[in-house]
C-alpha atoms as a PDB file:
ATOM      1  CA  MET A   1       2.272  -3.537  -1.290  1.00  0.00           C
ATOM      2  CA  ASP A   2      -1.052  -4.807   0.141  1.00  0.00           C
ATOM      3  CA  THR A   3      -0.731  -7.878  -2.061  1.00  0.00           C
ATOM      4  CA  GLU A   4       2.773  -8.527  -0.749  1.00  0.00           C
ATOM      5  CA  PHE A   5       1.608  -8.236   2.856  1.00  0.00           C
ATOM      6  CA  ASP A   6      -1.263 -10.637   2.160  1.00  0.00           C
ATOM      7  CA  LEU A   7       1.124 -13.177   0.668  1.00  0.00           C
ATOM      8  CA  ILE A   8       3.776 -12.787   3.370  1.00  0.00           C
ATOM      9  CA  PHE A   9       1.337 -13.074   6.267  1.00  0.00           C
ATOM     10  CA  GLN A  10      -0.492 -15.972   4.621  1.00  0.00           C
ATOM     11  CA  MET A  11       2.795 -17.867   4.203  1.00  0.00           C
ATOM     12  CA  MET A  12       3.616 -17.226   7.881  1.00  0.00           C
ATOM     13  CA  GLY A  13       0.219 -18.541   8.958  1.00  0.00           C
ATOM     14  CA  TRP A  14      -0.989 -15.077   9.995  1.00  0.00           C
ATOM     15  CA  LYS A  15      -3.632 -14.603   7.310  1.00  0.00           C
ATOM     16  CA  ASN A  16      -5.877 -12.433   9.497  1.00  0.00           C
ATOM     17  CA  PHE A  17      -3.110 -10.805  11.542  1.00  0.00           C
ATOM     18  CA  TRP A  18      -3.023  -7.368   9.953  1.00  0.00           C
ATOM     19  CA  ASP A  19      -6.279  -6.973   8.017  1.00  0.00           C
ATOM     20  CA  ARG A  20      -8.657  -6.205  10.869  1.00  0.00           C
ATOM     21  CA  THR A  21     -11.664  -3.920  10.929  1.00  0.00           C
ATOM     22  CA  GLU A  22     -12.856  -3.303  14.474  1.00  0.00           C
ATOM     23  CA  LEU A  23     -14.560  -0.393  16.158  1.00  0.00           C
ATOM     24  CA  GLY A  24     -11.880   2.108  17.147  1.00  0.00           C
ATOM     25  CA  SER A  25      -9.005   0.254  15.541  1.00  0.00           C
ATOM     26  CA  ARG A  26      -8.586   2.826  12.739  1.00  0.00           C
ATOM     27  CA  LEU A  27      -8.118   5.751  15.136  1.00  0.00           C
ATOM     28  CA  LEU A  28      -5.821   3.750  17.401  1.00  0.00           C
ATOM     29  CA  THR A  29      -3.771   2.665  14.394  1.00  0.00           C
ATOM     30  CA  ILE A  30      -3.442   6.266  13.213  1.00  0.00           C
ATOM     31  CA  GLU A  31      -2.437   7.396  16.709  1.00  0.00           C
ATOM     32  CA  PHE A  32       0.122   4.590  16.934  1.00  0.00           C
ATOM     33  CA  LEU A  33       1.650   5.184  13.497  1.00  0.00           C
ATOM     34  CA  CYS A  34       1.779   8.981  13.843  1.00  0.00           C
ATOM     35  CA  THR A  35       3.709   8.751  17.106  1.00  0.00           C
ATOM     36  CA  LEU A  36       5.852   5.678  16.386  1.00  0.00           C
ATOM     37  CA  GLN A  37       9.553   6.307  16.905  1.00  0.00           C
ATOM     38  CA  TYR A  38      12.471   3.931  16.500  1.00  0.00           C
ATOM     39  CA  TYR A  39      15.353   3.990  18.913  1.00  0.00           C
ATOM     40  CA  GLU A  40      18.358   1.670  19.084  1.00  0.00           C
ATOM     41  CA  GLY A  41      16.866  -0.546  21.804  1.00  0.00           C
ATOM     42  CA  GLY A  42      13.249  -0.720  20.580  1.00  0.00           C
ATOM     43  CA  ILE A  43      10.280   1.526  19.802  1.00  0.00           C
ATOM     44  CA  ALA A  44       8.333   4.312  21.495  1.00  0.00           C
ATOM     45  CA  PHE A  45       4.792   5.528  20.769  1.00  0.00           C
ATOM     46  CA  TRP A  46       1.826   7.330  22.308  1.00  0.00           C
ATOM     47  CA  MET A  47      -1.428   5.452  22.942  1.00  0.00           C
ATOM     48  CA  PHE A  48      -4.362   5.949  25.313  1.00  0.00           C
ATOM     49  CA  LYS A  49      -2.758   9.203  26.519  1.00  0.00           C
ATOM     50  CA  GLN A  50       0.355   7.332  27.643  1.00  0.00           C
ATOM     51  CA  ASP A  51       3.915   7.458  26.386  1.00  0.00           C
ATOM     52  CA  ILE A  52       4.965   3.829  25.851  1.00  0.00           C
ATOM     53  CA  MET A  53       8.482   2.519  25.297  1.00  0.00           C
ATOM     54  CA  LEU A  54       9.110  -1.141  24.480  1.00  0.00           C
ATOM     55  CA  SER A  55      12.397  -2.931  24.037  1.00  0.00           C
ATOM     56  CA  TRP A  56      12.611  -5.339  21.106  1.00  0.00           C
ATOM     57  CA  ARG A  57      12.272  -8.254  23.564  1.00  0.00           C
ATOM     58  CA  GLU A  58       9.124  -6.744  25.153  1.00  0.00           C
ATOM     59  CA  LEU A  59       7.606  -6.082  21.724  1.00  0.00           C
ATOM     60  CA  SER A  60       8.360  -9.644  20.668  1.00  0.00           C
ATOM     61  CA  ASP A  61       6.731 -10.994  23.827  1.00  0.00           C
ATOM     62  CA  HIS A  62       3.622  -8.811  23.373  1.00  0.00           C
ATOM     63  CA  LEU A  63       3.258 -10.010  19.782  1.00  0.00           C
ATOM     64  CA  GLY A  64       3.486 -13.608  20.956  1.00  0.00           C
ATOM     65  CA  PHE A  65       6.679 -14.574  19.178  1.00  0.00           C
ATOM     66  CA  SER A  66       8.451 -17.590  20.579  1.00  0.00           C
ATOM     67  CA  SER A  67      11.531 -16.834  22.668  1.00  0.00           C
ATOM     68  CA  ARG A  68      13.256 -19.683  20.783  1.00  0.00           C
ATOM     69  CA  CYS A  69      13.237 -17.527  17.615  1.00  0.00           C
ATOM     70  CA  ILE A  70      15.979 -15.195  18.787  1.00  0.00           C
ATOM     71  CA  LEU A  71      18.219 -13.835  16.033  1.00  0.00           C
ATOM     72  CA  ASP A  72      21.388 -11.839  16.278  1.00  0.00           C
ATOM     73  CA  ILE A  73      21.095  -9.717  13.137  1.00  0.00           C
ATOM     74  CA  ASP A  74      24.796  -8.827  13.055  1.00  0.00           C
ATOM     75  CA  THR A  75      25.808 -12.496  13.202  1.00  0.00           C
ATOM     76  CA  ASP A  76      23.016 -14.010  11.097  1.00  0.00           C
ATOM     77  CA  LEU A  77      23.037 -11.315   8.395  1.00  0.00           C
ATOM     78  CA  PRO A  78      26.581  -9.897   8.393  1.00  0.00           C
ATOM     79  CA  ASN A  79      26.145  -7.866   5.178  1.00  0.00           C
ATOM     80  CA  PHE A  80      22.710  -6.450   6.049  1.00  0.00           C
ATOM     81  CA  GLU A  81      22.691  -2.662   6.276  1.00  0.00           C
ATOM     82  CA  ARG A  82      19.382  -1.624   7.841  1.00  0.00           C
ATOM     83  CA  HIS A  83      19.790   2.058   6.969  1.00  0.00           C
ATOM     84  CA  GLN A  84      20.050   1.241   3.263  1.00  0.00           C
ATOM     85  CA  PHE A  85      17.168  -1.244   3.492  1.00  0.00           C
END
């Protein structure tokens, strides 16, 4: 799976996006992943002793994705079933 992530992120131009080693990043990553919850409108997690909820739009903005790259999954991928994915 690590090889697939390397290839995918390299093809997207994000070669160094996910493979980071910084002081404190391991513990923050563990805290984030252990508390990460999906809900229909976005995600929720606990970080820095705060309960954080982000809509998909807010998450996209925080990650720096262009607002021009908006997809309507139901329209663009009509046969995609996320629960089976």
